[in-house]
């Protein structure tokens, strides 16, 4: 909690965020490059899916960050409603765009994988449909947060929306369990993995790389939003003078 109060000051946050942005970006780029190299050159084709299996090194991190991004929005929303954290509203808005992009990337790579595997670009499958709904929920949050900011709102309405949208996450997570879907079941769990080890080892590297990249983008967006808010406040003071 002390850390939260320390970061509540935008100046202190920016002092920490500036160097972290570059560090996270550098680590992310290196890890993604290693994962791409390993996934394309150091792993064999799958005995069933062939070369198509390599899409998982992008698809899985995209799905992880699409859902993880909304979890971040929910935490920011809770921080705003309960603790009135000054940066919570900025954090939610900063997470929303990259979260939506990675959700769209998850859907796109899933469609590319589905064409040779299922014989179709799209199927109204439980997992696919719930991920599509998550993309629409992201877009709704982006529009609502922008409208709230434009009218000088306190962010509570987008925050309530952010918390409500969290109900979709368990639906996505357990869709392959609750319904008979075309999408394969859980491939990686606490008890093991159904993916062969020769294909699996680059995946944690890709997950780490894209997570660091996501964090760097969020920090960059938070810095941009704070700079914009500062400039707008200065303009208002000049207009009143």
C-alpha atoms as a PDB file:
ATOM      1  CA  UNK A   1       0.000   0.000   0.000  1.00  0.00           C
ATOM      2  CA  UNK A   2       2.901   2.329   0.712  1.00  0.00           C
ATOM      3  CA  UNK A   3       4.114   1.798  -2.845  1.00  0.00           C
ATOM      4  CA  UNK A   4       0.674   2.735  -4.169  1.00  0.00           C
ATOM      5  CA  UNK A   5       0.730   5.971  -2.190  1.00  0.00           C
ATOM      6  CA  UNK A   6       4.249   6.722  -3.423  1.00  0.00           C
ATOM      7  CA  UNK A   7       3.215   6.247  -7.044  1.00  0.00           C
ATOM      8  CA  UNK A   8       0.086   8.344  -6.514  1.00  0.00           C
ATOM      9  CA  UNK A   9       2.220  11.408  -7.150  1.00  0.00           C
ATOM     10  CA  UNK A  10       2.466  11.805 -10.957  1.00  0.00           C
ATOM     11  CA  UNK A  11       5.941  13.356 -10.704  1.00  0.00           C
ATOM     12  CA  UNK A  12       7.250  10.386  -8.725  1.00  0.00           C
ATOM     13  CA  UNK A  13       5.570   7.977 -11.102  1.00  0.00           C
ATOM     14  CA  UNK A  14       7.118   9.665 -14.145  1.00  0.00           C
ATOM     15  CA  UNK A  15      10.544   9.574 -12.513  1.00  0.00           C
ATOM     16  CA  UNK A  16      10.239   5.795 -12.216  1.00  0.00           C
ATOM     17  CA  UNK A  17       8.362   5.216 -15.487  1.00  0.00           C
ATOM     18  CA  UNK A  18      10.870   6.962 -17.774  1.00  0.00           C
ATOM     19  CA  UNK A  19      13.773   4.536 -17.252  1.00  0.00           C
ATOM     20  CA  UNK A  20      11.492   1.515 -16.863  1.00  0.00           C
ATOM     21  CA  UNK A  21       9.915   2.152 -20.266  1.00  0.00           C
ATOM     22  CA  UNK A  22      13.228   1.778 -22.057  1.00  0.00           C
ATOM     23  CA  UNK A  23      14.277  -1.211 -19.954  1.00  0.00           C
ATOM     24  CA  UNK A  24      11.003  -3.065 -20.522  1.00  0.00           C
ATOM     25  CA  UNK A  25      11.031  -2.235 -24.230  1.00  0.00           C
ATOM     26  CA  UNK A  26      14.596  -3.492 -24.650  1.00  0.00           C
ATOM     27  CA  UNK A  27      13.955  -6.725 -22.755  1.00  0.00           C
ATOM     28  CA  UNK A  28      10.731  -7.294 -24.684  1.00  0.00           C
ATOM     29  CA  UNK A  29      12.342  -6.832 -28.099  1.00  0.00           C
ATOM     30  CA  UNK A  30      15.242  -9.162 -27.244  1.00  0.00           C
ATOM     31  CA  UNK A  31      12.976 -11.900 -25.874  1.00  0.00           C
ATOM     32  CA  UNK A  32      10.574 -11.668 -28.814  1.00  0.00           C
ATOM     33  CA  UNK A  33      13.487 -11.868 -31.261  1.00  0.00           C
ATOM     34  CA  UNK A  34      14.810 -14.969 -29.479  1.00  0.00           C
ATOM     35  CA  UNK A  35      11.334 -16.546 -29.441  1.00  0.00           C
ATOM     36  CA  UNK A  36      10.804 -15.870 -33.157  1.00  0.00           C
ATOM     37  CA  UNK A  37      14.228 -17.304 -34.004  1.00  0.00           C
ATOM     38  CA  UNK A  38      13.637 -20.373 -31.841  1.00  0.00           C
ATOM     39  CA  UNK A  39      10.077 -20.902 -33.012  1.00  0.00           C
ATOM     40  CA  UNK A  40      10.964 -20.689 -36.696  1.00  0.00           C
ATOM     41  CA  UNK A  41      14.308 -22.457 -36.778  1.00  0.00           C
ATOM     42  CA  UNK A  42      14.799 -24.571 -33.643  1.00  0.00           C
ATOM     43  CA  UNK A  43      11.483 -26.410 -33.306  1.00  0.00           C
ATOM     44  CA  UNK A  44      10.105 -29.208 -35.497  1.00  0.00           C
ATOM     45  CA  UNK A  45       6.735 -29.109 -37.301  1.00  0.00           C
ATOM     46  CA  UNK A  46       3.877 -30.680 -35.376  1.00  0.00           C
ATOM     47  CA  UNK A  47       3.006 -34.191 -36.523  1.00  0.00           C
ATOM     48  CA  UNK A  48      -0.652 -33.183 -36.969  1.00  0.00           C
ATOM     49  CA  UNK A  49      -0.658 -29.423 -37.631  1.00  0.00           C
ATOM     50  CA  UNK A  50       2.628 -29.170 -39.492  1.00  0.00           C
ATOM     51  CA  UNK A  51       4.103 -25.675 -39.793  1.00  0.00           C
ATOM     52  CA  UNK A  52       0.801 -24.087 -38.697  1.00  0.00           C
ATOM     53  CA  UNK A  53       1.622 -24.863 -35.074  1.00  0.00           C
ATOM     54  CA  UNK A  54       4.198 -22.039 -35.041  1.00  0.00           C
ATOM     55  CA  UNK A  55       1.339 -19.531 -34.836  1.00  0.00           C
ATOM     56  CA  UNK A  56       1.004 -20.450 -31.156  1.00  0.00           C
ATOM     57  CA  UNK A  57       4.106 -18.355 -30.329  1.00  0.00           C
ATOM     58  CA  UNK A  58       2.066 -15.256 -31.180  1.00  0.00           C
ATOM     59  CA  UNK A  59      -1.477 -16.506 -30.591  1.00  0.00           C
ATOM     60  CA  UNK A  60      -0.980 -17.639 -26.987  1.00  0.00           C
ATOM     61  CA  UNK A  61       0.781 -14.436 -25.806  1.00  0.00           C
ATOM     62  CA  UNK A  62      -1.880 -12.360 -27.585  1.00  0.00           C
ATOM     63  CA  UNK A  63      -4.666 -14.241 -25.785  1.00  0.00           C
ATOM     64  CA  UNK A  64      -2.779 -13.970 -22.476  1.00  0.00           C
ATOM     65  CA  UNK A  65      -2.357 -10.204 -22.834  1.00  0.00           C
ATOM     66  CA  UNK A  66      -5.890  -9.642 -24.110  1.00  0.00           C
ATOM     67  CA  UNK A  67      -7.266 -11.205 -20.933  1.00  0.00           C
ATOM     68  CA  UNK A  68      -4.457  -9.914 -18.726  1.00  0.00           C
ATOM     69  CA  UNK A  69      -4.996  -6.403 -20.020  1.00  0.00           C
ATOM     70  CA  UNK A  70      -8.608  -6.467 -18.903  1.00  0.00           C
ATOM     71  CA  UNK A  71      -7.507  -7.770 -15.510  1.00  0.00           C
ATOM     72  CA  UNK A  72      -5.270  -4.693 -15.317  1.00  0.00           C
ATOM     73  CA  UNK A  73      -8.219  -2.445 -16.167  1.00  0.00           C
ATOM     74  CA  UNK A  74     -10.246  -4.135 -13.423  1.00  0.00           C
ATOM     75  CA  UNK A  75      -7.474  -3.527 -10.858  1.00  0.00           C
ATOM     76  CA  UNK A  76      -7.188   0.110 -11.948  1.00  0.00           C
ATOM     77  CA  UNK A  77     -10.975   0.472 -11.748  1.00  0.00           C
ATOM     78  CA  UNK A  78     -11.060  -0.988  -8.239  1.00  0.00           C
ATOM     79  CA  UNK A  79      -8.212   1.319  -7.178  1.00  0.00           C
ATOM     80  CA  UNK A  80     -10.167   4.309  -8.459  1.00  0.00           C
ATOM     81  CA  UNK A  81     -13.449   3.380  -6.797  1.00  0.00           C
ATOM     82  CA  UNK A  82     -12.071   2.194  -3.440  1.00  0.00           C
ATOM     83  CA  UNK A  83      -8.886   4.217  -2.923  1.00  0.00           C
ATOM     84  CA  UNK A  84      -9.357   7.110  -5.354  1.00  0.00           C
ATOM     85  CA  UNK A  85      -5.855   6.488  -6.674  1.00  0.00           C
ATOM     86  CA  UNK A  86      -4.956   9.535  -8.810  1.00  0.00           C
ATOM     87  CA  UNK A  87      -3.299   7.463 -11.548  1.00  0.00           C
ATOM     88  CA  UNK A  88      -5.934   4.714 -11.735  1.00  0.00           C
ATOM     89  CA  UNK A  89      -8.005   6.427 -14.422  1.00  0.00           C
ATOM     90  CA  UNK A  90      -4.879   7.081 -16.498  1.00  0.00           C
ATOM     91  CA  UNK A  91      -3.752   3.469 -16.072  1.00  0.00           C
ATOM     92  CA  UNK A  92      -7.095   2.105 -17.255  1.00  0.00           C
ATOM     93  CA  UNK A  93      -7.066   4.253 -20.379  1.00  0.00           C
ATOM     94  CA  UNK A  94      -3.420   3.394 -21.048  1.00  0.00           C
ATOM     95  CA  UNK A  95      -4.069  -0.349 -20.851  1.00  0.00           C
ATOM     96  CA  UNK A  96      -7.203  -0.328 -23.000  1.00  0.00           C
ATOM     97  CA  UNK A  97      -5.690   0.303 -26.448  1.00  0.00           C
ATOM     98  CA  UNK A  98      -2.866  -2.286 -26.307  1.00  0.00           C
ATOM     99  CA  UNK A  99      -5.287  -4.718 -24.677  1.00  0.00           C
ATOM    100  CA  UNK A 100      -7.702  -4.292 -27.579  1.00  0.00           C
ATOM    101  CA  UNK A 101      -4.876  -4.654 -30.119  1.00  0.00           C
ATOM    102  CA  UNK A 102      -3.644  -7.904 -28.587  1.00  0.00           C
ATOM    103  CA  UNK A 103      -7.205  -9.241 -28.401  1.00  0.00           C
ATOM    104  CA  UNK A 104      -7.627  -8.467 -32.111  1.00  0.00           C
ATOM    105  CA  UNK A 105      -4.247 -10.122 -32.782  1.00  0.00           C
ATOM    106  CA  UNK A 106      -5.447 -13.203 -30.914  1.00  0.00           C
ATOM    107  CA  UNK A 107      -8.557 -13.369 -33.099  1.00  0.00           C
ATOM    108  CA  UNK A 108      -6.566 -12.797 -36.303  1.00  0.00           C
ATOM    109  CA  UNK A 109      -3.955 -15.456 -35.551  1.00  0.00           C
ATOM    110  CA  UNK A 110      -6.705 -17.827 -34.442  1.00  0.00           C
ATOM    111  CA  UNK A 111      -8.443 -17.362 -37.792  1.00  0.00           C
ATOM    112  CA  UNK A 112      -5.177 -17.961 -39.670  1.00  0.00           C
ATOM    113  CA  UNK A 113      -4.668 -21.141 -37.664  1.00  0.00           C
ATOM    114  CA  UNK A 114      -8.293 -22.196 -38.088  1.00  0.00           C
ATOM    115  CA  UNK A 115      -8.327 -22.018 -41.895  1.00  0.00           C
ATOM    116  CA  UNK A 116      -6.088 -25.061 -42.512  1.00  0.00           C
ATOM    117  CA  UNK A 117      -7.096 -26.794 -39.267  1.00  0.00           C
ATOM    118  CA  UNK A 118     -10.879 -26.397 -39.322  1.00  0.00           C
ATOM    119  CA  UNK A 119     -11.297 -25.520 -42.991  1.00  0.00           C
ATOM    120  CA  UNK A 120     -12.831 -22.128 -42.196  1.00  0.00           C
ATOM    121  CA  UNK A 121     -11.632 -18.661 -41.202  1.00  0.00           C
ATOM    122  CA  UNK A 122     -14.300 -18.279 -38.532  1.00  0.00           C
ATOM    123  CA  UNK A 123     -16.548 -20.454 -36.425  1.00  0.00           C
ATOM    124  CA  UNK A 124     -19.065 -19.292 -33.834  1.00  0.00           C
ATOM    125  CA  UNK A 125     -17.225 -21.355 -31.288  1.00  0.00           C
ATOM    126  CA  UNK A 126     -17.505 -20.608 -27.564  1.00  0.00           C
ATOM    127  CA  UNK A 127     -13.872 -19.527 -27.179  1.00  0.00           C
ATOM    128  CA  UNK A 128     -13.787 -17.466 -30.389  1.00  0.00           C
ATOM    129  CA  UNK A 129     -17.125 -15.782 -29.726  1.00  0.00           C
ATOM    130  CA  UNK A 130     -16.229 -14.862 -26.139  1.00  0.00           C
ATOM    131  CA  UNK A 131     -12.886 -13.395 -27.294  1.00  0.00           C
ATOM    132  CA  UNK A 132     -14.744 -11.365 -29.933  1.00  0.00           C
ATOM    133  CA  UNK A 133     -17.054 -10.088 -27.194  1.00  0.00           C
ATOM    134  CA  UNK A 134     -13.985  -9.090 -25.180  1.00  0.00           C
ATOM    135  CA  UNK A 135     -12.758  -7.012 -28.126  1.00  0.00           C
ATOM    136  CA  UNK A 136     -16.123  -5.213 -28.261  1.00  0.00           C
ATOM    137  CA  UNK A 137     -15.998  -4.693 -24.483  1.00  0.00           C
ATOM    138  CA  UNK A 138     -12.546  -3.123 -24.901  1.00  0.00           C
ATOM    139  CA  UNK A 139     -13.832  -0.793 -27.616  1.00  0.00           C
ATOM    140  CA  UNK A 140     -16.784   0.158 -25.422  1.00  0.00           C
ATOM    141  CA  UNK A 141     -14.454   0.985 -22.538  1.00  0.00           C
ATOM    142  CA  UNK A 142     -12.206   3.079 -24.796  1.00  0.00           C
ATOM    143  CA  UNK A 143     -15.183   5.094 -26.060  1.00  0.00           C
ATOM    144  CA  UNK A 144     -16.677   5.487 -22.573  1.00  0.00           C
ATOM    145  CA  UNK A 145     -13.373   6.512 -20.961  1.00  0.00           C
ATOM    146  CA  UNK A 146     -12.694   9.042 -23.717  1.00  0.00           C
ATOM    147  CA  UNK A 147     -16.171  10.545 -23.396  1.00  0.00           C
ATOM    148  CA  UNK A 148     -15.831  10.710 -19.605  1.00  0.00           C
ATOM    149  CA  UNK A 149     -12.448  12.435 -19.884  1.00  0.00           C
ATOM    150  CA  UNK A 150     -13.741  14.926 -22.469  1.00  0.00           C
ATOM    151  CA  UNK A 151     -16.563  16.038 -20.181  1.00  0.00           C
ATOM    152  CA  UNK A 152     -14.253  16.254 -17.163  1.00  0.00           C
ATOM    153  CA  UNK A 153     -15.711  13.246 -15.376  1.00  0.00           C
ATOM    154  CA  UNK A 154     -14.172  11.580 -12.349  1.00  0.00           C
ATOM    155  CA  UNK A 155     -13.755   8.201 -14.066  1.00  0.00           C
ATOM    156  CA  UNK A 156     -16.252   6.304 -11.915  1.00  0.00           C
ATOM    157  CA  UNK A 157     -18.536   5.317 -14.807  1.00  0.00           C
ATOM    158  CA  UNK A 158     -15.716   3.758 -16.886  1.00  0.00           C
ATOM    159  CA  UNK A 159     -14.411   2.143 -13.684  1.00  0.00           C
ATOM    160  CA  UNK A 160     -17.759   0.463 -12.999  1.00  0.00           C
ATOM    161  CA  UNK A 161     -17.815  -0.687 -16.624  1.00  0.00           C
ATOM    162  CA  UNK A 162     -14.280  -2.041 -16.180  1.00  0.00           C
ATOM    163  CA  UNK A 163     -15.303  -4.084 -13.152  1.00  0.00           C
ATOM    164  CA  UNK A 164     -18.459  -5.378 -14.859  1.00  0.00           C
ATOM    165  CA  UNK A 165     -16.480  -6.507 -17.902  1.00  0.00           C
ATOM    166  CA  UNK A 166     -14.400  -8.784 -15.693  1.00  0.00           C
ATOM    167  CA  UNK A 167     -17.319 -11.231 -15.675  1.00  0.00           C
ATOM    168  CA  UNK A 168     -16.367 -12.170 -19.244  1.00  0.00           C
ATOM    169  CA  UNK A 169     -12.905 -13.467 -18.255  1.00  0.00           C
ATOM    170  CA  UNK A 170     -14.025 -16.758 -16.622  1.00  0.00           C
ATOM    171  CA  UNK A 171     -16.360 -17.334 -19.576  1.00  0.00           C
ATOM    172  CA  UNK A 172     -13.361 -17.149 -21.923  1.00  0.00           C
ATOM    173  CA  UNK A 173     -11.199 -19.241 -19.621  1.00  0.00           C
ATOM    174  CA  UNK A 174     -13.688 -22.084 -19.157  1.00  0.00           C
ATOM    175  CA  UNK A 175     -15.526 -21.932 -22.496  1.00  0.00           C
ATOM    176  CA  UNK A 176     -13.725 -25.056 -23.733  1.00  0.00           C
ATOM    177  CA  UNK A 177     -14.862 -26.874 -20.565  1.00  0.00           C
ATOM    178  CA  UNK A 178     -18.451 -25.666 -20.370  1.00  0.00           C
ATOM    179  CA  UNK A 179     -19.330 -26.147 -24.035  1.00  0.00           C
ATOM    180  CA  UNK A 180     -18.519 -28.683 -26.738  1.00  0.00           C
ATOM    181  CA  UNK A 181     -16.355 -26.450 -28.911  1.00  0.00           C
ATOM    182  CA  UNK A 182     -14.103 -26.855 -31.917  1.00  0.00           C
ATOM    183  CA  UNK A 183     -11.363 -25.009 -30.081  1.00  0.00           C
ATOM    184  CA  UNK A 184      -8.929 -27.396 -28.466  1.00  0.00           C
ATOM    185  CA  UNK A 185      -9.027 -27.781 -24.703  1.00  0.00           C
ATOM    186  CA  UNK A 186      -6.500 -26.371 -22.285  1.00  0.00           C
ATOM    187  CA  UNK A 187      -3.047 -27.256 -23.596  1.00  0.00           C
ATOM    188  CA  UNK A 188      -1.006 -25.990 -20.640  1.00  0.00           C
ATOM    189  CA  UNK A 189      -1.963 -26.400 -16.999  1.00  0.00           C
ATOM    190  CA  UNK A 190      -0.530 -26.778 -13.518  1.00  0.00           C
ATOM    191  CA  UNK A 191      -0.288 -30.549 -13.933  1.00  0.00           C
ATOM    192  CA  UNK A 192       1.500 -30.495 -17.271  1.00  0.00           C
ATOM    193  CA  UNK A 193       1.157 -29.751 -20.949  1.00  0.00           C
ATOM    194  CA  UNK A 194      -0.261 -31.579 -23.956  1.00  0.00           C
ATOM    195  CA  UNK A 195       2.217 -29.731 -26.204  1.00  0.00           C
ATOM    196  CA  UNK A 196       5.403 -31.634 -26.954  1.00  0.00           C
ATOM    197  CA  UNK A 197       8.431 -30.261 -25.094  1.00  0.00           C
ATOM    198  CA  UNK A 198      10.296 -29.763 -28.373  1.00  0.00           C
ATOM    199  CA  UNK A 199       7.617 -27.219 -29.363  1.00  0.00           C
ATOM    200  CA  UNK A 200       6.866 -25.825 -25.908  1.00  0.00           C
ATOM    201  CA  UNK A 201      10.175 -24.328 -24.757  1.00  0.00           C
ATOM    202  CA  UNK A 202      10.102 -21.107 -26.897  1.00  0.00           C
ATOM    203  CA  UNK A 203       6.591 -20.276 -25.651  1.00  0.00           C
ATOM    204  CA  UNK A 204       7.583 -18.952 -22.178  1.00  0.00           C
ATOM    205  CA  UNK A 205      10.185 -16.767 -23.890  1.00  0.00           C
ATOM    206  CA  UNK A 206       7.510 -15.371 -26.214  1.00  0.00           C
ATOM    207  CA  UNK A 207       5.124 -14.836 -23.289  1.00  0.00           C
ATOM    208  CA  UNK A 208       7.795 -12.948 -21.362  1.00  0.00           C
ATOM    209  CA  UNK A 209       8.805 -10.862 -24.371  1.00  0.00           C
ATOM    210  CA  UNK A 210       5.299  -9.780 -25.285  1.00  0.00           C
ATOM    211  CA  UNK A 211       4.486  -9.084 -21.620  1.00  0.00           C
ATOM    212  CA  UNK A 212       7.481  -6.743 -21.303  1.00  0.00           C
ATOM    213  CA  UNK A 213       6.491  -5.090 -24.597  1.00  0.00           C
ATOM    214  CA  UNK A 214       2.928  -4.641 -23.323  1.00  0.00           C
ATOM    215  CA  UNK A 215       4.204  -3.093 -20.079  1.00  0.00           C
ATOM    216  CA  UNK A 216       6.440  -0.688 -22.022  1.00  0.00           C
ATOM    217  CA  UNK A 217       3.525   0.400 -24.218  1.00  0.00           C
ATOM    218  CA  UNK A 218       1.310   0.974 -21.165  1.00  0.00           C
ATOM    219  CA  UNK A 219       3.996   3.091 -19.488  1.00  0.00           C
ATOM    220  CA  UNK A 220       4.489   5.128 -22.682  1.00  0.00           C
ATOM    221  CA  UNK A 221       0.754   5.715 -22.946  1.00  0.00           C
ATOM    222  CA  UNK A 222       0.484   6.715 -19.285  1.00  0.00           C
ATOM    223  CA  UNK A 223       3.294   9.228 -19.740  1.00  0.00           C
ATOM    224  CA  UNK A 224       1.591  10.602 -22.864  1.00  0.00           C
ATOM    225  CA  UNK A 225      -1.791  10.905 -21.149  1.00  0.00           C
ATOM    226  CA  UNK A 226      -0.243  12.648 -18.131  1.00  0.00           C
ATOM    227  CA  UNK A 227       1.629  15.086 -20.392  1.00  0.00           C
ATOM    228  CA  UNK A 228      -1.577  15.792 -22.310  1.00  0.00           C
ATOM    229  CA  UNK A 229      -3.521  16.397 -19.077  1.00  0.00           C
ATOM    230  CA  UNK A 230      -0.795  18.758 -17.857  1.00  0.00           C
ATOM    231  CA  UNK A 231      -0.861  20.696 -21.139  1.00  0.00           C
ATOM    232  CA  UNK A 232      -4.665  20.941 -21.075  1.00  0.00           C
ATOM    233  CA  UNK A 233      -4.590  22.200 -17.470  1.00  0.00           C
ATOM    234  CA  UNK A 234      -2.032  24.838 -18.468  1.00  0.00           C
ATOM    235  CA  UNK A 235      -4.232  25.928 -21.380  1.00  0.00           C
ATOM    236  CA  UNK A 236      -7.235  26.277 -19.062  1.00  0.00           C
ATOM    237  CA  UNK A 237      -5.230  28.417 -16.637  1.00  0.00           C
ATOM    238  CA  UNK A 238      -4.056  30.629 -19.490  1.00  0.00           C
ATOM    239  CA  UNK A 239      -7.639  30.968 -20.749  1.00  0.00           C
ATOM    240  CA  UNK A 240      -8.820  32.119 -17.318  1.00  0.00           C
ATOM    241  CA  UNK A 241      -5.954  34.607 -16.926  1.00  0.00           C
END
